[in-house]
C-alpha cells in the first residue's frame, strides 16, 4: 500500500466555506474516490489555510488517473479551484506528494 501526503494552501477568506463543503462532500464524489482506489483519505487544515492531505492507495498515479476520467471529479475540481492560493490548474493536479522519511508501523 502506498501512503501519500500532500500540501495545499486554502485562501483564508474562503476557509470557512471550504470546511463547510467538506462537511458535505457529494455522495457521487465519495463513491468515485472509493472506486478509484483511494483509501483512508483525510484532510487536515490549520487556521492559516495550510492543508495537509493523506491517503493510501495501491498506485497513486493510477488512482489519480481513474479520478481524472470521471465527470464528478471534473465538476468538484472546478468548484474547489477558487478556494486555493498559488495553484495553477485544478487542485488535484497540485497534489505533489511529499517524500516519506519515516514510518512507525
PDB file of N, CA and C in Angstrom:
ATOM      1  N   UNK A   1       0.855  -1.179   0.000  1.00  0.00           N
ATOM      2  CA  UNK A   1       0.000   0.000   0.000  1.00  0.00           C
ATOM      3  C   UNK A   1       0.894   1.233   0.000  1.00  0.00           C
ATOM      4  N   UNK A   2       0.605   2.159  -0.868  1.00  0.00           N
ATOM      5  CA  UNK A   2       1.346   3.415  -0.960  1.00  0.00           C
ATOM      6  C   UNK A   2       0.665   4.462  -0.082  1.00  0.00           C
ATOM      7  N   UNK A   3       1.438   5.104   0.801  1.00  0.00           N
ATOM      8  CA  UNK A   3       0.943   6.196   1.635  1.00  0.00           C
ATOM      9  C   UNK A   3       1.336   7.498   0.957  1.00  0.00           C
ATOM     10  N   UNK A   4       0.374   8.413   0.806  1.00  0.00           N
ATOM     11  CA  UNK A   4       0.619   9.670   0.102  1.00  0.00           C
ATOM     12  C   UNK A   4       0.210  10.825   1.004  1.00  0.00           C
ATOM     13  N   UNK A   5       1.103  11.808   1.120  1.00  0.00           N
ATOM     14  CA  UNK A   5       0.817  13.024   1.876  1.00  0.00           C
ATOM     15  C   UNK A   5       1.132  14.201   0.962  1.00  0.00           C
ATOM     16  N   UNK A   6       0.284  15.216   0.979  1.00  0.00           N
ATOM     17  CA  UNK A   6       0.485  16.396   0.142  1.00  0.00           C
ATOM     18  C   UNK A   6       0.038  17.652   0.883  1.00  0.00           C
ATOM     19  N   UNK A   7       0.521  18.804   0.407  1.00  0.00           N
ATOM     20  CA  UNK A   7       0.176  20.101   0.980  1.00  0.00           C
ATOM     21  C   UNK A   7      -0.475  20.980  -0.078  1.00  0.00           C
ATOM     22  N   UNK A   8      -1.462  21.753   0.332  1.00  0.00           N
ATOM     23  CA  UNK A   8      -2.053  22.810  -0.487  1.00  0.00           C
ATOM     24  C   UNK A   8      -2.335  23.981   0.449  1.00  0.00           C
ATOM     25  N   UNK A   9      -2.663  25.127  -0.104  1.00  0.00           N
ATOM     26  CA  UNK A   9      -2.945  26.307   0.722  1.00  0.00           C
ATOM     27  C   UNK A   9      -4.313  26.864   0.364  1.00  0.00           C
ATOM     28  N   UNK A  10      -5.226  26.809   1.327  1.00  0.00           N
ATOM     29  CA  UNK A  10      -6.578  27.342   1.162  1.00  0.00           C
ATOM     30  C   UNK A  10      -6.544  28.832   1.493  1.00  0.00           C
ATOM     31  N   UNK A  11      -7.239  29.634   0.697  1.00  0.00           N
ATOM     32  CA  UNK A  11      -7.327  31.074   0.960  1.00  0.00           C
ATOM     33  C   UNK A  11      -8.025  31.282   2.312  1.00  0.00           C
ATOM     34  N   UNK A  12      -7.425  32.097   3.167  1.00  0.00           N
ATOM     35  CA  UNK A  12      -8.002  32.302   4.493  1.00  0.00           C
ATOM     36  C   UNK A  12      -9.415  32.864   4.427  1.00  0.00           C
ATOM     37  N   UNK A  13      -9.676  33.731   3.459  1.00  0.00           N
ATOM     38  CA  UNK A  13     -11.012  34.323   3.360  1.00  0.00           C
ATOM     39  C   UNK A  13     -12.059  33.326   2.872  1.00  0.00           C
ATOM     40  N   UNK A  14     -11.639  32.142   2.408  1.00  0.00           N
ATOM     41  CA  UNK A  14     -12.574  31.114   1.936  1.00  0.00           C
ATOM     42  C   UNK A  14     -12.551  29.867   2.819  1.00  0.00           C
ATOM     43  N   UNK A  15     -11.773  29.905   3.893  1.00  0.00           N
ATOM     44  CA  UNK A  15     -11.560  28.723   4.728  1.00  0.00           C
ATOM     45  C   UNK A  15     -12.850  28.193   5.353  1.00  0.00           C
ATOM     46  N   UNK A  16     -13.685  29.072   5.835  1.00  0.00           N
ATOM     47  CA  UNK A  16     -14.939  28.637   6.454  1.00  0.00           C
ATOM     48  C   UNK A  16     -15.816  27.894   5.444  1.00  0.00           C
ATOM     49  N   UNK A  17     -15.935  28.449   4.251  1.00  0.00           N
ATOM     50  CA  UNK A  17     -16.748  27.798   3.222  1.00  0.00           C
ATOM     51  C   UNK A  17     -16.113  26.486   2.771  1.00  0.00           C
ATOM     52  N   UNK A  18     -14.784  26.450   2.689  1.00  0.00           N
ATOM     53  CA  UNK A  18     -14.085  25.220   2.309  1.00  0.00           C
ATOM     54  C   UNK A  18     -14.396  24.102   3.318  1.00  0.00           C
ATOM     55  N   UNK A  19     -14.368  24.454   4.591  1.00  0.00           N
ATOM     56  CA  UNK A  19     -14.697  23.462   5.633  1.00  0.00           C
ATOM     57  C   UNK A  19     -16.145  22.984   5.481  1.00  0.00           C
ATOM     58  N   UNK A  20     -17.054  23.908   5.212  1.00  0.00           N
ATOM     59  CA  UNK A  20     -18.461  23.538   5.028  1.00  0.00           C
ATOM     60  C   UNK A  20     -18.631  22.578   3.854  1.00  0.00           C
ATOM     61  N   UNK A  21     -17.949  22.863   2.759  1.00  0.00           N
ATOM     62  CA  UNK A  21     -18.047  21.996   1.579  1.00  0.00           C
ATOM     63  C   UNK A  21     -17.582  20.579   1.895  1.00  0.00           C
ATOM     64  N   UNK A  22     -16.546  20.459   2.717  1.00  0.00           N
ATOM     65  CA  UNK A  22     -16.023  19.135   3.030  1.00  0.00           C
ATOM     66  C   UNK A  22     -16.795  18.435   4.149  1.00  0.00           C
ATOM     67  N   UNK A  23     -17.675  19.148   4.788  1.00  0.00           N
ATOM     68  CA  UNK A  23     -18.586  18.514   5.742  1.00  0.00           C
ATOM     69  C   UNK A  23     -19.745  17.842   4.999  1.00  0.00           C
ATOM     70  N   UNK A  24     -19.875  18.154   3.697  1.00  0.00           N
ATOM     71  CA  UNK A  24     -20.979  17.606   2.895  1.00  0.00           C
ATOM     72  C   UNK A  24     -20.485  17.282   1.481  1.00  0.00           C
ATOM     73  N   UNK A  25     -19.446  16.462   1.396  1.00  0.00           N
ATOM     74  CA  UNK A  25     -18.931  16.051   0.077  1.00  0.00           C
ATOM     75  C   UNK A  25     -20.019  15.265  -0.637  1.00  0.00           C
ATOM     76  N   UNK A  26     -20.163  15.533  -1.926  1.00  0.00           N
ATOM     77  CA  UNK A  26     -21.183  14.861  -2.726  1.00  0.00           C
ATOM     78  C   UNK A  26     -21.030  13.339  -2.639  1.00  0.00           C
ATOM     79  N   UNK A  27     -22.120  12.629  -2.427  1.00  0.00           N
ATOM     80  CA  UNK A  27     -22.042  11.161  -2.360  1.00  0.00           C
ATOM     81  C   UNK A  27     -21.411  10.539  -3.603  1.00  0.00           C
ATOM     82  N   UNK A  28     -21.674  11.100  -4.781  1.00  0.00           N
ATOM     83  CA  UNK A  28     -21.089  10.538  -6.001  1.00  0.00           C
ATOM     84  C   UNK A  28     -19.575  10.770  -6.065  1.00  0.00           C
ATOM     85  N   UNK A  29     -19.092  11.828  -5.416  1.00  0.00           N
ATOM     86  CA  UNK A  29     -17.649  12.065  -5.339  1.00  0.00           C
ATOM     87  C   UNK A  29     -17.015  11.048  -4.401  1.00  0.00           C
ATOM     88  N   UNK A  30     -17.636  10.809  -3.273  1.00  0.00           N
ATOM     89  CA  UNK A  30     -17.132   9.802  -2.335  1.00  0.00           C
ATOM     90  C   UNK A  30     -17.077   8.429  -2.988  1.00  0.00           C
ATOM     91  N   UNK A  31     -18.122   8.080  -3.722  1.00  0.00           N
ATOM     92  CA  UNK A  31     -18.162   6.786  -4.405  1.00  0.00           C
ATOM     93  C   UNK A  31     -17.059   6.694  -5.453  1.00  0.00           C
ATOM     94  N   UNK A  32     -16.837   7.766  -6.198  1.00  0.00           N
ATOM     95  CA  UNK A  32     -15.797   7.768  -7.231  1.00  0.00           C
ATOM     96  C   UNK A  32     -14.416   7.582  -6.609  1.00  0.00           C
ATOM     97  N   UNK A  33     -14.153   8.252  -5.501  1.00  0.00           N
ATOM     98  CA  UNK A  33     -12.868   8.094  -4.814  1.00  0.00           C
ATOM     99  C   UNK A  33     -12.652   6.644  -4.390  1.00  0.00           C
ATOM    100  N   UNK A  34     -13.672   6.063  -3.800  1.00  0.00           N
ATOM    101  CA  UNK A  34     -13.562   4.658  -3.370  1.00  0.00           C
ATOM    102  C   UNK A  34     -13.318   3.737  -4.563  1.00  0.00           C
ATOM    103  N   UNK A  35     -14.080   3.934  -5.624  1.00  0.00           N
ATOM    104  CA  UNK A  35     -13.942   3.081  -6.815  1.00  0.00           C
ATOM    105  C   UNK A  35     -12.569   3.241  -7.467  1.00  0.00           C
ATOM    106  N   UNK A  36     -11.964   4.424  -7.341  1.00  0.00           N
ATOM    107  CA  UNK A  36     -10.651   4.686  -7.935  1.00  0.00           C
ATOM    108  C   UNK A  36      -9.506   4.172  -7.060  1.00  0.00           C
ATOM    109  N   UNK A  37      -9.834   3.663  -5.876  1.00  0.00           N
ATOM    110  CA  UNK A  37      -8.809   3.071  -5.020  1.00  0.00           C
ATOM    111  C   UNK A  37      -8.230   3.979  -3.949  1.00  0.00           C
ATOM    112  N   UNK A  38      -8.903   5.091  -3.650  1.00  0.00           N
ATOM    113  CA  UNK A  38      -8.457   5.980  -2.578  1.00  0.00           C
ATOM    114  C   UNK A  38      -8.951   5.396  -1.252  1.00  0.00           C
ATOM    115  N   UNK A  39      -8.049   5.185  -0.315  1.00  0.00           N
ATOM    116  CA  UNK A  39      -8.399   4.614   0.979  1.00  0.00           C
ATOM    117  C   UNK A  39      -7.834   5.494   2.093  1.00  0.00           C
ATOM    118  N   UNK A  40      -8.502   5.470   3.226  1.00  0.00           N
ATOM    119  CA  UNK A  40      -8.018   6.168   4.416  1.00  0.00           C
ATOM    120  C   UNK A  40      -7.641   7.616   4.081  1.00  0.00           C
ATOM    121  N   UNK A  41      -8.487   8.282   3.303  1.00  0.00           N
ATOM    122  CA  UNK A  41      -8.225   9.634   2.814  1.00  0.00           C
ATOM    123  C   UNK A  41      -8.678  10.643   3.861  1.00  0.00           C
ATOM    124  N   UNK A  42      -7.765  11.524   4.271  1.00  0.00           N
ATOM    125  CA  UNK A  42      -8.059  12.552   5.265  1.00  0.00           C
ATOM    126  C   UNK A  42      -7.492  13.888   4.820  1.00  0.00           C
ATOM    127  N   UNK A  43      -8.160  14.956   5.216  1.00  0.00           N
ATOM    128  CA  UNK A  43      -7.659  16.311   5.032  1.00  0.00           C
ATOM    129  C   UNK A  43      -7.581  16.964   6.410  1.00  0.00           C
ATOM    130  N   UNK A  44      -6.472  17.659   6.653  1.00  0.00           N
ATOM    131  CA  UNK A  44      -6.266  18.392   7.894  1.00  0.00           C
ATOM    132  C   UNK A  44      -5.952  19.831   7.505  1.00  0.00           C
ATOM    133  N   UNK A  45      -6.429  20.795   8.292  1.00  0.00           N
ATOM    134  CA  UNK A  45      -6.215  22.194   7.915  1.00  0.00           C
ATOM    135  C   UNK A  45      -5.916  23.043   9.141  1.00  0.00           C
ATOM    136  N   UNK A  46      -4.884  23.882   9.008  1.00  0.00           N
ATOM    137  CA  UNK A  46      -4.588  24.862  10.049  1.00  0.00           C
ATOM    138  C   UNK A  46      -5.435  26.101   9.819  1.00  0.00           C
ATOM    139  N   UNK A  47      -5.504  26.959  10.836  1.00  0.00           N
ATOM    140  CA  UNK A  47      -6.286  28.188  10.735  1.00  0.00           C
ATOM    141  C   UNK A  47      -5.731  29.173   9.708  1.00  0.00           C
ATOM    142  N   UNK A  48      -4.462  29.026   9.329  1.00  0.00           N
ATOM    143  CA  UNK A  48      -3.894  29.902   8.303  1.00  0.00           C
ATOM    144  C   UNK A  48      -4.128  29.368   6.897  1.00  0.00           C
ATOM    145  N   UNK A  49      -4.824  28.232   6.781  1.00  0.00           N
ATOM    146  CA  UNK A  49      -5.168  27.678   5.482  1.00  0.00           C
ATOM    147  C   UNK A  49      -4.264  26.573   4.986  1.00  0.00           C
ATOM    148  N   UNK A  50      -3.173  26.264   5.702  1.00  0.00           N
ATOM    149  CA  UNK A  50      -2.315  25.161   5.276  1.00  0.00           C
ATOM    150  C   UNK A  50      -3.110  23.867   5.354  1.00  0.00           C
ATOM    151  N   UNK A  51      -3.217  23.190   4.233  1.00  0.00           N
ATOM    152  CA  UNK A  51      -3.992  21.958   4.126  1.00  0.00           C
ATOM    153  C   UNK A  51      -3.041  20.789   3.934  1.00  0.00           C
ATOM    154  N   UNK A  52      -3.206  19.766   4.746  1.00  0.00           N
ATOM    155  CA  UNK A  52      -2.429  18.540   4.640  1.00  0.00           C
ATOM    156  C   UNK A  52      -3.392  17.422   4.268  1.00  0.00           C
ATOM    157  N   UNK A  53      -3.085  16.749   3.174  1.00  0.00           N
ATOM    158  CA  UNK A  53      -3.896  15.617   2.751  1.00  0.00           C
ATOM    159  C   UNK A  53      -3.116  14.331   2.924  1.00  0.00           C
ATOM    160  N   UNK A  54      -3.824  13.264   3.268  1.00  0.00           N
ATOM    161  CA  UNK A  54      -3.206  11.948   3.429  1.00  0.00           C
ATOM    162  C   UNK A  54      -4.155  10.905   2.853  1.00  0.00           C
ATOM    163  N   UNK A  55      -3.595   9.961   2.117  1.00  0.00           N
ATOM    164  CA  UNK A  55      -4.382   8.843   1.615  1.00  0.00           C
ATOM    165  C   UNK A  55      -3.500   7.627   1.436  1.00  0.00           C
ATOM    166  N   UNK A  56      -4.134   6.503   1.293  1.00  0.00           N
ATOM    167  CA  UNK A  56      -3.443   5.250   0.993  1.00  0.00           C
ATOM    168  C   UNK A  56      -4.070   4.672  -0.262  1.00  0.00           C
ATOM    169  N   UNK A  57      -3.235   4.117  -1.115  1.00  0.00           N
ATOM    170  CA  UNK A  57      -3.704   3.538  -2.371  1.00  0.00           C
ATOM    171  C   UNK A  57      -2.664   2.553  -2.888  1.00  0.00           C
ATOM    172  N   UNK A  58      -3.074   1.664  -3.746  1.00  0.00           N
ATOM    173  CA  UNK A  58      -2.119   0.728  -4.347  1.00  0.00           C
ATOM    174  C   UNK A  58      -1.175   1.440  -5.304  1.00  0.00           C
ATOM    175  N   UNK A  59      -1.685   2.422  -6.045  1.00  0.00           N
ATOM    176  CA  UNK A  59      -0.893   3.120  -7.061  1.00  0.00           C
ATOM    177  C   UNK A  59      -1.471   4.530  -7.209  1.00  0.00           C
ATOM    178  N   UNK A  60      -0.754   5.529  -6.682  1.00  0.00           N
ATOM    179  CA  UNK A  60      -1.271   6.894  -6.672  1.00  0.00           C
ATOM    180  C   UNK A  60      -1.512   7.431  -8.082  1.00  0.00           C
ATOM    181  N   UNK A  61      -0.581   7.189  -8.984  1.00  0.00           N
ATOM    182  CA  UNK A  61      -0.753   7.679 -10.360  1.00  0.00           C
ATOM    183  C   UNK A  61      -2.003   7.070 -10.982  1.00  0.00           C
ATOM    184  N   UNK A  62      -2.234   5.784 -10.771  1.00  0.00           N
ATOM    185  CA  UNK A  62      -3.418   5.117 -11.321  1.00  0.00           C
ATOM    186  C   UNK A  62      -4.690   5.630 -10.646  1.00  0.00           C
ATOM    187  N   UNK A  63      -4.644   5.871  -9.341  1.00  0.00           N
ATOM    188  CA  UNK A  63      -5.815   6.373  -8.609  1.00  0.00           C
ATOM    189  C   UNK A  63      -6.177   7.781  -9.081  1.00  0.00           C
ATOM    190  N   UNK A  64      -5.163   8.630  -9.300  1.00  0.00           N
ATOM    191  CA  UNK A  64      -5.420   9.979  -9.821  1.00  0.00           C
ATOM    192  C   UNK A  64      -5.974   9.907 -11.245  1.00  0.00           C
ATOM    193  N   UNK A  65      -5.422   9.034 -12.054  1.00  0.00           N
ATOM    194  CA  UNK A  65      -5.884   8.896 -13.436  1.00  0.00           C
ATOM    195  C   UNK A  65      -7.330   8.411 -13.475  1.00  0.00           C
ATOM    196  N   UNK A  66      -7.672   7.484 -12.600  1.00  0.00           N
ATOM    197  CA  UNK A  66      -9.048   6.977 -12.548  1.00  0.00           C
ATOM    198  C   UNK A  66     -10.015   8.099 -12.190  1.00  0.00           C
ATOM    199  N   UNK A  67      -9.620   8.950 -11.246  1.00  0.00           N
ATOM    200  CA  UNK A  67     -10.474  10.081 -10.888  1.00  0.00           C
ATOM    201  C   UNK A  67     -10.564  11.086 -12.026  1.00  0.00           C
ATOM    202  N   UNK A  68      -9.469  11.307 -12.727  1.00  0.00           N
ATOM    203  CA  UNK A  68      -9.456  12.282 -13.829  1.00  0.00           C
ATOM    204  C   UNK A  68     -10.428  11.889 -14.940  1.00  0.00           C
ATOM    205  N   UNK A  69     -10.758  10.618 -15.031  1.00  0.00           N
ATOM    206  CA  UNK A  69     -11.690  10.150 -16.066  1.00  0.00           C
ATOM    207  C   UNK A  69     -13.159  10.305 -15.673  1.00  0.00           C
ATOM    208  N   UNK A  70     -13.429  10.768 -14.455  1.00  0.00           N
ATOM    209  CA  UNK A  70     -14.818  10.877 -14.015  1.00  0.00           C
ATOM    210  C   UNK A  70     -15.352  12.293 -14.173  1.00  0.00           C
ATOM    211  N   UNK A  71     -16.606  12.392 -14.527  1.00  0.00           N
ATOM    212  CA  UNK A  71     -17.272  13.686 -14.649  1.00  0.00           C
ATOM    213  C   UNK A  71     -17.425  14.364 -13.293  1.00  0.00           C
ATOM    214  N   UNK A  72     -17.727  13.584 -12.261  1.00  0.00           N
ATOM    215  CA  UNK A  72     -17.929  14.174 -10.940  1.00  0.00           C
ATOM    216  C   UNK A  72     -16.644  14.834 -10.443  1.00  0.00           C
ATOM    217  N   UNK A  73     -15.500  14.252 -10.727  1.00  0.00           N
ATOM    218  CA  UNK A  73     -14.242  14.854 -10.301  1.00  0.00           C
ATOM    219  C   UNK A  73     -13.995  16.169 -11.036  1.00  0.00           C
ATOM    220  N   UNK A  74     -14.289  16.217 -12.322  1.00  0.00           N
ATOM    221  CA  UNK A  74     -14.116  17.463 -13.082  1.00  0.00           C
ATOM    222  C   UNK A  74     -14.979  18.571 -12.480  1.00  0.00           C
ATOM    223  N   UNK A  75     -16.218  18.241 -12.130  1.00  0.00           N
ATOM    224  CA  UNK A  75     -17.110  19.238 -11.527  1.00  0.00           C
ATOM    225  C   UNK A  75     -16.611  19.668 -10.149  1.00  0.00           C
ATOM    226  N   UNK A  76     -16.179  18.699  -9.329  1.00  0.00           N
ATOM    227  CA  UNK A  76     -15.689  19.007  -7.979  1.00  0.00           C
ATOM    228  C   UNK A  76     -14.437  19.884  -8.055  1.00  0.00           C
ATOM    229  N   UNK A  77     -13.498  19.526  -8.909  1.00  0.00           N
ATOM    230  CA  UNK A  77     -12.254  20.294  -9.022  1.00  0.00           C
ATOM    231  C   UNK A  77     -12.532  21.721  -9.493  1.00  0.00           C
ATOM    232  N   UNK A  78     -13.462  21.877 -10.417  1.00  0.00           N
ATOM    233  CA  UNK A  78     -13.817  23.223 -10.899  1.00  0.00           C
ATOM    234  C   UNK A  78     -14.399  24.068  -9.767  1.00  0.00           C
ATOM    235  N   UNK A  79     -15.189  23.458  -8.914  1.00  0.00           N
ATOM    236  CA  UNK A  79     -15.777  24.201  -7.789  1.00  0.00           C
ATOM    237  C   UNK A  79     -14.759  24.488  -6.695  1.00  0.00           C
ATOM    238  N   UNK A  80     -13.785  23.611  -6.501  1.00  0.00           N
ATOM    239  CA  UNK A  80     -12.805  23.776  -5.428  1.00  0.00           C
ATOM    240  C   UNK A  80     -11.642  24.688  -5.814  1.00  0.00           C
ATOM    241  N   UNK A  81     -11.312  24.808  -7.082  1.00  0.00           N
ATOM    242  CA  UNK A  81     -10.132  25.577  -7.514  1.00  0.00           C
ATOM    243  C   UNK A  81     -10.079  26.998  -6.940  1.00  0.00           C
ATOM    244  N   UNK A  82     -11.183  27.745  -6.898  1.00  0.00           N
ATOM    245  CA  UNK A  82     -11.107  29.123  -6.379  1.00  0.00           C
ATOM    246  C   UNK A  82     -10.761  29.224  -4.885  1.00  0.00           C
ATOM    247  N   UNK A  83     -10.799  28.117  -4.175  1.00  0.00           N
ATOM    248  CA  UNK A  83     -10.501  28.132  -2.744  1.00  0.00           C
ATOM    249  C   UNK A  83      -8.999  28.169  -2.447  1.00  0.00           C
ATOM    250  N   UNK A  84      -8.160  27.899  -3.457  1.00  0.00           N
ATOM    251  CA  UNK A  84      -6.733  27.704  -3.206  1.00  0.00           C
ATOM    252  C   UNK A  84      -5.861  28.864  -3.643  1.00  0.00           C
ATOM    253  N   UNK A  85      -4.764  29.062  -2.912  1.00  0.00           N
ATOM    254  CA  UNK A  85      -3.722  30.025  -3.245  1.00  0.00           C
ATOM    255  C   UNK A  85      -2.649  29.315  -4.069  1.00  0.00           C
ATOM    256  N   UNK A  86      -1.939  30.101  -4.874  1.00  0.00           N
ATOM    257  CA  UNK A  86      -0.754  29.617  -5.580  1.00  0.00           C
ATOM    258  C   UNK A  86      -0.994  28.285  -6.289  1.00  0.00           C
ATOM    259  N   UNK A  87      -2.072  28.229  -7.027  1.00  0.00           N
ATOM    260  CA  UNK A  87      -2.422  26.992  -7.704  1.00  0.00           C
ATOM    261  C   UNK A  87      -2.651  27.280  -9.182  1.00  0.00           C
ATOM    262  N   UNK A  88      -1.891  26.629 -10.019  1.00  0.00           N
ATOM    263  CA  UNK A  88      -2.088  26.721 -11.461  1.00  0.00           C
ATOM    264  C   UNK A  88      -2.816  25.464 -11.905  1.00  0.00           C
ATOM    265  N   UNK A  89      -4.073  25.599 -12.245  1.00  0.00           N
ATOM    266  CA  UNK A  89      -4.846  24.430 -12.660  1.00  0.00           C
ATOM    267  C   UNK A  89      -5.746  23.926 -11.555  1.00  0.00           C
ATOM    268  N   UNK A  90      -6.064  22.658 -11.656  1.00  0.00           N
ATOM    269  CA  UNK A  90      -7.001  22.035 -10.726  1.00  0.00           C
ATOM    270  C   UNK A  90      -6.297  21.623  -9.429  1.00  0.00           C
ATOM    271  N   UNK A  91      -7.027  21.622  -8.309  1.00  0.00           N
ATOM    272  CA  UNK A  91      -6.417  21.198  -7.045  1.00  0.00           C
ATOM    273  C   UNK A  91      -5.826  19.795  -7.100  1.00  0.00           C
ATOM    274  N   UNK A  92      -6.498  18.866  -7.771  1.00  0.00           N
ATOM    275  CA  UNK A  92      -5.963  17.501  -7.813  1.00  0.00           C
ATOM    276  C   UNK A  92      -4.677  17.413  -8.630  1.00  0.00           C
ATOM    277  N   UNK A  93      -4.421  18.400  -9.483  1.00  0.00           N
ATOM    278  CA  UNK A  93      -3.167  18.433 -10.228  1.00  0.00           C
ATOM    279  C   UNK A  93      -2.053  19.062  -9.401  1.00  0.00           C
ATOM    280  N   UNK A  94      -2.410  19.776  -8.338  1.00  0.00           N
ATOM    281  CA  UNK A  94      -1.427  20.413  -7.473  1.00  0.00           C
ATOM    282  C   UNK A  94      -1.012  19.557  -6.289  1.00  0.00           C
ATOM    283  N   UNK A  95      -1.517  18.343  -6.236  1.00  0.00           N
ATOM    284  CA  UNK A  95      -1.218  17.444  -5.125  1.00  0.00           C
ATOM    285  C   UNK A  95       0.124  16.746  -5.363  1.00  0.00           C
ATOM    286  N   UNK A  96       1.210  17.432  -5.079  1.00  0.00           N
ATOM    287  CA  UNK A  96       2.536  16.837  -5.239  1.00  0.00           C
ATOM    288  C   UNK A  96       2.887  16.099  -3.946  1.00  0.00           C
ATOM    289  N   UNK A  97       3.059  14.788  -4.024  1.00  0.00           N
ATOM    290  CA  UNK A  97       3.344  14.021  -2.805  1.00  0.00           C
ATOM    291  C   UNK A  97       4.653  14.444  -2.135  1.00  0.00           C
ATOM    292  N   UNK A  98       4.613  14.486  -0.814  1.00  0.00           N
ATOM    293  CA  UNK A  98       5.813  14.713  -0.025  1.00  0.00           C
ATOM    294  C   UNK A  98       6.597  13.404   0.052  1.00  0.00           C
ATOM    295  N   UNK A  99       7.889  13.504   0.252  1.00  0.00           N
ATOM    296  CA  UNK A  99       8.726  12.317   0.401  1.00  0.00           C
ATOM    297  C   UNK A  99       8.609  11.792   1.821  1.00  0.00           C
ATOM    298  N   UNK A 100       8.275  10.533   1.962  1.00  0.00           N
ATOM    299  CA  UNK A 100       8.179   9.928   3.289  1.00  0.00           C
ATOM    300  C   UNK A 100       9.579   9.663   3.824  1.00  0.00           C
ATOM    301  N   UNK A 101       9.844  10.151   5.028  1.00  0.00           N
ATOM    302  CA  UNK A 101      11.142   9.973   5.645  1.00  0.00           C
ATOM    303  C   UNK A 101      11.141   8.935   6.740  1.00  0.00           C
ATOM    304  N   UNK A 102       9.994   8.708   7.366  1.00  0.00           N
ATOM    305  CA  UNK A 102       9.912   7.784   8.494  1.00  0.00           C
ATOM    306  C   UNK A 102       8.489   7.258   8.609  1.00  0.00           C
ATOM    307  N   UNK A 103       8.386   6.007   9.008  1.00  0.00           N
ATOM    308  CA  UNK A 103       7.077   5.408   9.250  1.00  0.00           C
ATOM    309  C   UNK A 103       7.221   4.389  10.372  1.00  0.00           C
ATOM    310  N   UNK A 104       6.446   4.548  11.440  1.00  0.00           N
ATOM    311  CA  UNK A 104       6.415   3.597  12.543  1.00  0.00           C
ATOM    312  C   UNK A 104       5.213   2.707  12.353  1.00  0.00           C
ATOM    313  N   UNK A 105       5.440   1.447  12.198  1.00  0.00           N
ATOM    314  CA  UNK A 105       4.339   0.508  11.987  1.00  0.00           C
ATOM    315  C   UNK A 105       3.987  -0.181  13.277  1.00  0.00           C
TER     316      UNK A 105
END
